[in-house]
Amino acid sequence: MLPEPLPEAIAALKEQDGGDLLVIGSTVLVHSLLQHGLVDELRLMIDPVLVGGGKRLFPDDGALRPLRLVAHEVTGTGTIIATYAPA
């Protein structure tokens, strides 16, 4: 349990020394971090498979969040790993 509301707790963690903070598989947490400007980098894995549904990664709020591509890789199976940072 975090001792403060989420944005303040994450901002405090980012100020500490240590490794990176990673989020894997929590769209709700990612939405909150994006909303509060607490994302330094997004790593998206794009698989060559079409699925007719699923969870939205980005909030449906109409906000423009410019990103710049900082790295990319294509795996042997055709998966694209794209790393973006806020522009």
PDB file of N, CA and C in Angstrom:
ATOM      1  N   MET A   1       0.838  -1.183   0.000  1.00  0.00           N
ATOM      2  CA  MET A   1       0.000   0.000   0.000  1.00  0.00           C
ATOM      3  C   MET A   1       0.879   1.241   0.000  1.00  0.00           C
ATOM      4  N   LEU A   2       0.547   2.183  -0.851  1.00  0.00           N
ATOM      5  CA  LEU A   2       1.305   3.420  -0.918  1.00  0.00           C
ATOM      6  C   LEU A   2       0.805   4.383   0.159  1.00  0.00           C
ATOM      7  N   PRO A   3       1.728   5.137   0.800  1.00  0.00           N
ATOM      8  CA  PRO A   3       1.346   6.004   1.910  1.00  0.00           C
ATOM      9  C   PRO A   3       0.632   7.288   1.490  1.00  0.00           C
ATOM     10  N   GLU A   4       0.615   7.608   0.221  1.00  0.00           N
ATOM     11  CA  GLU A   4       0.035   8.854  -0.265  1.00  0.00           C
ATOM     12  C   GLU A   4      -0.863   8.553  -1.454  1.00  0.00           C
ATOM     13  N   PRO A   5      -1.599   9.546  -1.917  1.00  0.00           N
ATOM     14  CA  PRO A   5      -2.309   9.332  -3.182  1.00  0.00           C
ATOM     15  C   PRO A   5      -1.314   8.950  -4.283  1.00  0.00           C
ATOM     16  N   LEU A   6      -1.761   8.192  -5.253  1.00  0.00           N
ATOM     17  CA  LEU A   6      -0.892   7.626  -6.282  1.00  0.00           C
ATOM     18  C   LEU A   6       0.050   8.623  -6.947  1.00  0.00           C
ATOM     19  N   PRO A   7      -0.422   9.738  -7.496  1.00  0.00           N
ATOM     20  CA  PRO A   7       0.515  10.628  -8.202  1.00  0.00           C
ATOM     21  C   PRO A   7       1.651  11.113  -7.305  1.00  0.00           C
ATOM     22  N   GLU A   8       1.335  11.487  -6.074  1.00  0.00           N
ATOM     23  CA  GLU A   8       2.362  11.975  -5.159  1.00  0.00           C
ATOM     24  C   GLU A   8       3.329  10.862  -4.768  1.00  0.00           C
ATOM     25  N   ALA A   9       2.809   9.654  -4.551  1.00  0.00           N
ATOM     26  CA  ALA A   9       3.658   8.524  -4.170  1.00  0.00           C
ATOM     27  C   ALA A   9       4.614   8.152  -5.305  1.00  0.00           C
ATOM     28  N   ILE A  10       4.136   8.128  -6.527  1.00  0.00           N
ATOM     29  CA  ILE A  10       4.984   7.782  -7.667  1.00  0.00           C
ATOM     30  C   ILE A  10       6.018   8.879  -7.901  1.00  0.00           C
ATOM     31  N   ALA A  11       5.598  10.131  -7.811  1.00  0.00           N
ATOM     32  CA  ALA A  11       6.542  11.240  -7.983  1.00  0.00           C
ATOM     33  C   ALA A  11       7.651  11.153  -6.933  1.00  0.00           C
ATOM     34  N   ALA A  12       7.316  10.801  -5.690  1.00  0.00           N
ATOM     35  CA  ALA A  12       8.327  10.663  -4.637  1.00  0.00           C
ATOM     36  C   ALA A  12       9.267   9.495  -4.935  1.00  0.00           C
ATOM     37  N   LEU A  13       8.733   8.385  -5.427  1.00  0.00           N
ATOM     38  CA  LEU A  13       9.575   7.238  -5.781  1.00  0.00           C
ATOM     39  C   LEU A  13      10.550   7.602  -6.899  1.00  0.00           C
ATOM     40  N   LYS A  14      10.095   8.374  -7.868  1.00  0.00           N
ATOM     41  CA  LYS A  14      10.950   8.765  -8.990  1.00  0.00           C
ATOM     42  C   LYS A  14      12.115   9.638  -8.537  1.00  0.00           C
ATOM     43  N   GLU A  15      11.956  10.355  -7.432  1.00  0.00           N
ATOM     44  CA  GLU A  15      13.011  11.221  -6.914  1.00  0.00           C
ATOM     45  C   GLU A  15      14.101  10.441  -6.172  1.00  0.00           C
ATOM     46  N   GLN A  16      13.806   9.205  -5.789  1.00  0.00           N
ATOM     47  CA  GLN A  16      14.769   8.404  -5.036  1.00  0.00           C
ATOM     48  C   GLN A  16      15.785   7.767  -5.969  1.00  0.00           C
ATOM     49  N   ASP A  17      16.956   7.446  -5.394  1.00  0.00           N
ATOM     50  CA  ASP A  17      17.952   6.689  -6.141  1.00  0.00           C
ATOM     51  C   ASP A  17      17.471   5.261  -6.305  1.00  0.00           C
ATOM     52  N   GLY A  18      17.911   4.616  -7.373  1.00  0.00           N
ATOM     53  CA  GLY A  18      17.533   3.228  -7.587  1.00  0.00           C
ATOM     54  C   GLY A  18      17.223   2.975  -9.041  1.00  0.00           C
ATOM     55  N   GLY A  19      16.675   1.808  -9.285  1.00  0.00           N
ATOM     56  CA  GLY A  19      16.383   1.392 -10.645  1.00  0.00           C
ATOM     57  C   GLY A  19      15.125   2.030 -11.198  1.00  0.00           C
ATOM     58  N   ASP A  20      14.794   1.600 -12.394  1.00  0.00           N
ATOM     59  CA  ASP A  20      13.612   2.098 -13.077  1.00  0.00           C
ATOM     60  C   ASP A  20      12.347   1.556 -12.432  1.00  0.00           C
ATOM     61  N   LEU A  21      11.271   2.309 -12.546  1.00  0.00           N
ATOM     62  CA  LEU A  21       9.947   1.848 -12.149  1.00  0.00           C
ATOM     63  C   LEU A  21       9.264   1.327 -13.402  1.00  0.00           C
ATOM     64  N   LEU A  22       8.818   0.093 -13.369  1.00  0.00           N
ATOM     65  CA  LEU A  22       8.200  -0.521 -14.538  1.00  0.00           C
ATOM     66  C   LEU A  22       6.748  -0.873 -14.245  1.00  0.00           C
ATOM     67  N   VAL A  23       5.910  -0.749 -15.257  1.00  0.00           N
ATOM     68  CA  VAL A  23       4.515  -1.168 -15.173  1.00  0.00           C
ATOM     69  C   VAL A  23       4.299  -2.178 -16.278  1.00  0.00           C
ATOM     70  N   ILE A  24       3.847  -3.354 -15.903  1.00  0.00           N
ATOM     71  CA  ILE A  24       3.570  -4.389 -16.891  1.00  0.00           C
ATOM     72  C   ILE A  24       2.120  -4.840 -16.712  1.00  0.00           C
ATOM     73  N   GLY A  25       1.304  -4.575 -17.707  1.00  0.00           N
ATOM     74  CA  GLY A  25      -0.042  -5.129 -17.739  1.00  0.00           C
ATOM     75  C   GLY A  25      -1.100  -4.432 -16.918  1.00  0.00           C
ATOM     76  N   SER A  26      -0.899  -3.203 -16.483  1.00  0.00           N
ATOM     77  CA  SER A  26      -1.931  -2.498 -15.724  1.00  0.00           C
ATOM     78  C   SER A  26      -2.339  -1.237 -16.473  1.00  0.00           C
ATOM     79  N   THR A  27      -3.372  -1.363 -17.281  1.00  0.00           N
ATOM     80  CA  THR A  27      -3.803  -0.198 -18.053  1.00  0.00           C
ATOM     81  C   THR A  27      -4.341   0.904 -17.147  1.00  0.00           C
ATOM     82  N   VAL A  28      -4.958   0.547 -16.030  1.00  0.00           N
ATOM     83  CA  VAL A  28      -5.492   1.552 -15.109  1.00  0.00           C
ATOM     84  C   VAL A  28      -4.359   2.397 -14.542  1.00  0.00           C
ATOM     85  N   LEU A  29      -3.272   1.751 -14.123  1.00  0.00           N
ATOM     86  CA  LEU A  29      -2.124   2.476 -13.592  1.00  0.00           C
ATOM     87  C   LEU A  29      -1.470   3.328 -14.680  1.00  0.00           C
ATOM     88  N   VAL A  30      -1.311   2.782 -15.867  1.00  0.00           N
ATOM     89  CA  VAL A  30      -0.713   3.546 -16.967  1.00  0.00           C
ATOM     90  C   VAL A  30      -1.558   4.773 -17.279  1.00  0.00           C
ATOM     91  N   HIS A  31      -2.879   4.644 -17.302  1.00  0.00           N
ATOM     92  CA  HIS A  31      -3.757   5.794 -17.555  1.00  0.00           C
ATOM     93  C   HIS A  31      -3.494   6.896 -16.530  1.00  0.00           C
ATOM     94  N   SER A  32      -3.406   6.515 -15.259  1.00  0.00           N
ATOM     95  CA  SER A  32      -3.178   7.495 -14.201  1.00  0.00           C
ATOM     96  C   SER A  32      -1.809   8.154 -14.332  1.00  0.00           C
ATOM     97  N   LEU A  33      -0.781   7.363 -14.618  1.00  0.00           N
ATOM     98  CA  LEU A  33       0.564   7.917 -14.771  1.00  0.00           C
ATOM     99  C   LEU A  33       0.637   8.874 -15.956  1.00  0.00           C
ATOM    100  N   LEU A  34       0.004   8.523 -17.068  1.00  0.00           N
ATOM    101  CA  LEU A  34      -0.025   9.407 -18.237  1.00  0.00           C
ATOM    102  C   LEU A  34      -0.755  10.709 -17.910  1.00  0.00           C
ATOM    103  N   GLN A  35      -1.873  10.590 -17.227  1.00  0.00           N
ATOM    104  CA  GLN A  35      -2.684  11.754 -16.882  1.00  0.00           C
ATOM    105  C   GLN A  35      -1.894  12.749 -16.030  1.00  0.00           C
ATOM    106  N   HIS A  36      -1.021  12.235 -15.168  1.00  0.00           N
ATOM    107  CA  HIS A  36      -0.269  13.088 -14.249  1.00  0.00           C
ATOM    108  C   HIS A  36       1.148  13.408 -14.745  1.00  0.00           C
ATOM    109  N   GLY A  37       1.455  13.058 -15.986  1.00  0.00           N
ATOM    110  CA  GLY A  37       2.765  13.380 -16.545  1.00  0.00           C
ATOM    111  C   GLY A  37       3.922  12.657 -15.877  1.00  0.00           C
ATOM    112  N   LEU A  38       3.686  11.438 -15.418  1.00  0.00           N
ATOM    113  CA  LEU A  38       4.703  10.689 -14.684  1.00  0.00           C
ATOM    114  C   LEU A  38       5.358   9.590 -15.512  1.00  0.00           C
ATOM    115  N   VAL A  39       5.106   9.573 -16.815  1.00  0.00           N
ATOM    116  CA  VAL A  39       5.710   8.555 -17.684  1.00  0.00           C
ATOM    117  C   VAL A  39       6.916   9.166 -18.386  1.00  0.00           C
ATOM    118  N   ASP A  40       8.075   8.552 -18.199  1.00  0.00           N
ATOM    119  CA  ASP A  40       9.297   9.008 -18.860  1.00  0.00           C
ATOM    120  C   ASP A  40       9.535   8.271 -20.174  1.00  0.00           C
ATOM    121  N   GLU A  41       8.996   7.056 -20.261  1.00  0.00           N
ATOM    122  CA  GLU A  41       9.257   6.226 -21.432  1.00  0.00           C
ATOM    123  C   GLU A  41       8.162   5.177 -21.554  1.00  0.00           C
ATOM    124  N   LEU A  42       7.758   4.899 -22.784  1.00  0.00           N
ATOM    125  CA  LEU A  42       6.801   3.826 -23.082  1.00  0.00           C
ATOM    126  C   LEU A  42       7.494   2.817 -23.983  1.00  0.00           C
ATOM    127  N   ARG A  43       7.421   1.556 -23.620  1.00  0.00           N
ATOM    128  CA  ARG A  43       7.925   0.500 -24.496  1.00  0.00           C
ATOM    129  C   ARG A  43       6.724  -0.320 -24.936  1.00  0.00           C
ATOM    130  N   LEU A  44       6.438  -0.244 -26.213  1.00  0.00           N
ATOM    131  CA  LEU A  44       5.279  -0.938 -26.761  1.00  0.00           C
ATOM    132  C   LEU A  44       5.744  -2.139 -27.572  1.00  0.00           C
ATOM    133  N   MET A  45       5.146  -3.274 -27.292  1.00  0.00           N
ATOM    134  CA  MET A  45       5.409  -4.484 -28.071  1.00  0.00           C
ATOM    135  C   MET A  45       4.218  -4.696 -28.986  1.00  0.00           C
ATOM    136  N   ILE A  46       4.467  -4.612 -30.272  1.00  0.00           N
ATOM    137  CA  ILE A  46       3.410  -4.736 -31.267  1.00  0.00           C
ATOM    138  C   ILE A  46       3.579  -6.082 -31.957  1.00  0.00           C
ATOM    139  N   ASP A  47       2.659  -6.986 -31.659  1.00  0.00           N
ATOM    140  CA  ASP A  47       2.719  -8.328 -32.229  1.00  0.00           C
ATOM    141  C   ASP A  47       1.971  -8.388 -33.548  1.00  0.00           C
ATOM    142  N   PRO A  48       2.456  -9.219 -34.484  1.00  0.00           N
ATOM    143  CA  PRO A  48       1.794  -9.321 -35.790  1.00  0.00           C
ATOM    144  C   PRO A  48       0.554 -10.218 -35.731  1.00  0.00           C
ATOM    145  N   VAL A  49      -0.382  -9.836 -34.857  1.00  0.00           N
ATOM    146  CA  VAL A  49      -1.631 -10.582 -34.683  1.00  0.00           C
ATOM    147  C   VAL A  49      -2.756  -9.560 -34.528  1.00  0.00           C
ATOM    148  N   LEU A  50      -3.855  -9.750 -35.202  1.00  0.00           N
ATOM    149  CA  LEU A  50      -5.005  -8.872 -35.051  1.00  0.00           C
ATOM    150  C   LEU A  50      -5.988  -9.501 -34.081  1.00  0.00           C
ATOM    151  N   VAL A  51      -6.398  -8.727 -33.106  1.00  0.00           N
ATOM    152  CA  VAL A  51      -7.371  -9.176 -32.120  1.00  0.00           C
ATOM    153  C   VAL A  51      -8.557  -8.228 -32.209  1.00  0.00           C
ATOM    154  N   GLY A  52      -9.740  -8.743 -32.160  1.00  0.00           N
ATOM    155  CA  GLY A  52     -10.932  -7.925 -32.334  1.00  0.00           C
ATOM    156  C   GLY A  52     -11.347  -7.117 -31.128  1.00  0.00           C
ATOM    157  N   GLY A  53     -10.617  -7.155 -30.060  1.00  0.00           N
ATOM    158  CA  GLY A  53     -10.998  -6.394 -28.864  1.00  0.00           C
ATOM    159  C   GLY A  53      -9.845  -6.348 -27.896  1.00  0.00           C
ATOM    160  N   GLY A  54     -10.139  -5.952 -26.697  1.00  0.00           N
ATOM    161  CA  GLY A  54      -9.114  -5.883 -25.660  1.00  0.00           C
ATOM    162  C   GLY A  54      -9.184  -4.570 -24.918  1.00  0.00           C
ATOM    163  N   LYS A  55      -8.282  -4.423 -23.955  1.00  0.00           N
ATOM    164  CA  LYS A  55      -8.226  -3.211 -23.150  1.00  0.00           C
ATOM    165  C   LYS A  55      -7.518  -2.106 -23.929  1.00  0.00           C
ATOM    166  N   ARG A  56      -7.957  -0.882 -23.707  1.00  0.00           N
ATOM    167  CA  ARG A  56      -7.297   0.276 -24.306  1.00  0.00           C
ATOM    168  C   ARG A  56      -6.051   0.607 -23.492  1.00  0.00           C
ATOM    169  N   LEU A  57      -4.962   0.847 -24.169  1.00  0.00           N
ATOM    170  CA  LEU A  57      -3.743   1.253 -23.483  1.00  0.00           C
ATOM    171  C   LEU A  57      -3.798   2.724 -23.112  1.00  0.00           C
ATOM    172  N   PHE A  58      -4.318   3.550 -24.018  1.00  0.00           N
ATOM    173  CA  PHE A  58      -4.346   4.976 -23.781  1.00  0.00           C
ATOM    174  C   PHE A  58      -5.751   5.409 -23.393  1.00  0.00           C
ATOM    175  N   PRO A  59      -5.855   6.397 -22.512  1.00  0.00           N
ATOM    176  CA  PRO A  59      -7.172   6.860 -22.077  1.00  0.00           C
ATOM    177  C   PRO A  59      -7.970   7.452 -23.236  1.00  0.00           C
ATOM    178  N   ASP A  60      -9.254   7.327 -23.174  1.00  0.00           N
ATOM    179  CA  ASP A  60     -10.149   7.850 -24.211  1.00  0.00           C
ATOM    180  C   ASP A  60     -10.629   9.242 -23.803  1.00  0.00           C
ATOM    181  N   ASP A  61      -9.675  10.151 -23.561  1.00  0.00           N
ATOM    182  CA  ASP A  61     -10.024  11.490 -23.084  1.00  0.00           C
ATOM    183  C   ASP A  61      -9.789  12.585 -24.129  1.00  0.00           C
ATOM    184  N   GLY A  62      -9.309  12.203 -25.303  1.00  0.00           N
ATOM    185  CA  GLY A  62      -9.095  13.169 -26.363  1.00  0.00           C
ATOM    186  C   GLY A  62      -7.843  14.024 -26.210  1.00  0.00           C
ATOM    187  N   ALA A  63      -7.088  13.824 -25.129  1.00  0.00           N
ATOM    188  CA  ALA A  63      -5.881  14.638 -24.905  1.00  0.00           C
ATOM    189  C   ALA A  63      -4.778  14.245 -25.880  1.00  0.00           C
ATOM    190  N   LEU A  64      -4.070  15.235 -26.382  1.00  0.00           N
ATOM    191  CA  LEU A  64      -2.949  15.012 -27.282  1.00  0.00           C
ATOM    192  C   LEU A  64      -1.692  14.841 -26.434  1.00  0.00           C
ATOM    193  N   ARG A  65      -1.000  13.723 -26.601  1.00  0.00           N
ATOM    194  CA  ARG A  65       0.224  13.446 -25.860  1.00  0.00           C
ATOM    195  C   ARG A  65       1.326  13.105 -26.865  1.00  0.00           C
ATOM    196  N   PRO A  66       2.015  14.110 -27.372  1.00  0.00           N
ATOM    197  CA  PRO A  66       3.041  13.855 -28.388  1.00  0.00           C
ATOM    198  C   PRO A  66       4.164  12.980 -27.837  1.00  0.00           C
ATOM    199  N   LEU A  67       4.613  12.060 -28.669  1.00  0.00           N
ATOM    200  CA  LEU A  67       5.709  11.163 -28.311  1.00  0.00           C
ATOM    201  C   LEU A  67       6.769  11.225 -29.398  1.00  0.00           C
ATOM    202  N   ARG A  68       8.002  10.868 -29.028  1.00  0.00           N
ATOM    203  CA  ARG A  68       9.055  10.738 -30.032  1.00  0.00           C
ATOM    204  C   ARG A  68       9.657   9.349 -29.898  1.00  0.00           C
ATOM    205  N   LEU A  69       9.917   8.736 -31.028  1.00  0.00           N
ATOM    206  CA  LEU A  69      10.513   7.410 -31.060  1.00  0.00           C
ATOM    207  C   LEU A  69      11.983   7.521 -30.700  1.00  0.00           C
ATOM    208  N   VAL A  70      12.425   6.789 -29.659  1.00  0.00           N
ATOM    209  CA  VAL A  70      13.824   6.855 -29.249  1.00  0.00           C
ATOM    210  C   VAL A  70      14.584   5.565 -29.559  1.00  0.00           C
ATOM    211  N   ALA A  71      13.863   4.478 -29.792  1.00  0.00           N
ATOM    212  CA  ALA A  71      14.509   3.210 -30.159  1.00  0.00           C
ATOM    213  C   ALA A  71      13.453   2.278 -30.728  1.00  0.00           C
ATOM    214  N   HIS A  72      13.902   1.332 -31.549  1.00  0.00           N
ATOM    215  CA  HIS A  72      12.990   0.308 -32.057  1.00  0.00           C
ATOM    216  C   HIS A  72      13.784  -0.943 -32.408  1.00  0.00           C
ATOM    217  N   GLU A  73      13.072  -2.047 -32.402  1.00  0.00           N
ATOM    218  CA  GLU A  73      13.681  -3.344 -32.713  1.00  0.00           C
ATOM    219  C   GLU A  73      12.588  -4.224 -33.315  1.00  0.00           C
ATOM    220  N   VAL A  74      12.959  -5.026 -34.278  1.00  0.00           N
ATOM    221  CA  VAL A  74      12.043  -6.010 -34.841  1.00  0.00           C
ATOM    222  C   VAL A  74      12.616  -7.381 -34.522  1.00  0.00           C
ATOM    223  N   THR A  75      11.824  -8.205 -33.860  1.00  0.00           N
ATOM    224  CA  THR A  75      12.294  -9.528 -33.475  1.00  0.00           C
ATOM    225  C   THR A  75      12.173 -10.498 -34.646  1.00  0.00           C
ATOM    226  N   GLY A  76      12.718 -11.682 -34.475  1.00  0.00           N
ATOM    227  CA  GLY A  76      12.650 -12.711 -35.503  1.00  0.00           C
ATOM    228  C   GLY A  76      11.242 -13.168 -35.816  1.00  0.00           C
ATOM    229  N   THR A  77      10.313 -12.950 -34.882  1.00  0.00           N
ATOM    230  CA  THR A  77       8.922 -13.349 -35.113  1.00  0.00           C
ATOM    231  C   THR A  77       8.081 -12.213 -35.681  1.00  0.00           C
ATOM    232  N   GLY A  78       8.723 -11.065 -35.922  1.00  0.00           N
ATOM    233  CA  GLY A  78       7.997  -9.931 -36.484  1.00  0.00           C
ATOM    234  C   GLY A  78       7.423  -8.973 -35.454  1.00  0.00           C
ATOM    235  N   THR A  79       7.632  -9.232 -34.174  1.00  0.00           N
ATOM    236  CA  THR A  79       7.173  -8.313 -33.136  1.00  0.00           C
ATOM    237  C   THR A  79       8.026  -7.050 -33.193  1.00  0.00           C
ATOM    238  N   ILE A  80       7.368  -5.903 -33.110  1.00  0.00           N
ATOM    239  CA  ILE A  80       8.077  -4.619 -33.078  1.00  0.00           C
ATOM    240  C   ILE A  80       8.100  -4.149 -31.631  1.00  0.00           C
ATOM    241  N   ILE A  81       9.290  -3.833 -31.142  1.00  0.00           N
ATOM    242  CA  ILE A  81       9.429  -3.258 -29.810  1.00  0.00           C
ATOM    243  C   ILE A  81       9.831  -1.810 -30.033  1.00  0.00           C
ATOM    244  N   ALA A  82       8.906  -0.907 -29.741  1.00  0.00           N
ATOM    245  CA  ALA A  82       9.109   0.521 -29.970  1.00  0.00           C
ATOM    246  C   ALA A  82       9.180   1.243 -28.633  1.00  0.00           C
ATOM    247  N   THR A  83      10.220   2.056 -28.465  1.00  0.00           N
ATOM    248  CA  THR A  83      10.392   2.822 -27.247  1.00  0.00           C
ATOM    249  C   THR A  83      10.146   4.289 -27.562  1.00  0.00           C
ATOM    250  N   TYR A  84       9.217   4.880 -26.824  1.00  0.00           N
ATOM    251  CA  TYR A  84       8.842   6.274 -27.010  1.00  0.00           C
ATOM    252  C   TYR A  84       9.084   7.065 -25.729  1.00  0.00           C
ATOM    253  N   ALA A  85       9.384   8.338 -25.881  1.00  0.00           N
ATOM    254  CA  ALA A  85       9.491   9.277 -24.761  1.00  0.00           C
ATOM    255  C   ALA A  85       8.556  10.442 -25.051  1.00  0.00           C
ATOM    256  N   PRO A  86       8.075  11.099 -24.014  1.00  0.00           N
ATOM    257  CA  PRO A  86       7.251  12.294 -24.271  1.00  0.00           C
ATOM    258  C   PRO A  86       8.049  13.305 -25.083  1.00  0.00           C
ATOM    259  N   ALA A  87       7.395  13.926 -26.064  1.00  0.00           N
ATOM    260  CA  ALA A  87       8.075  14.903 -26.925  1.00  0.00           C
ATOM    261  C   ALA A  87       8.149  16.247 -26.248  1.00  0.00           C
TER     262      ALA A  87
END
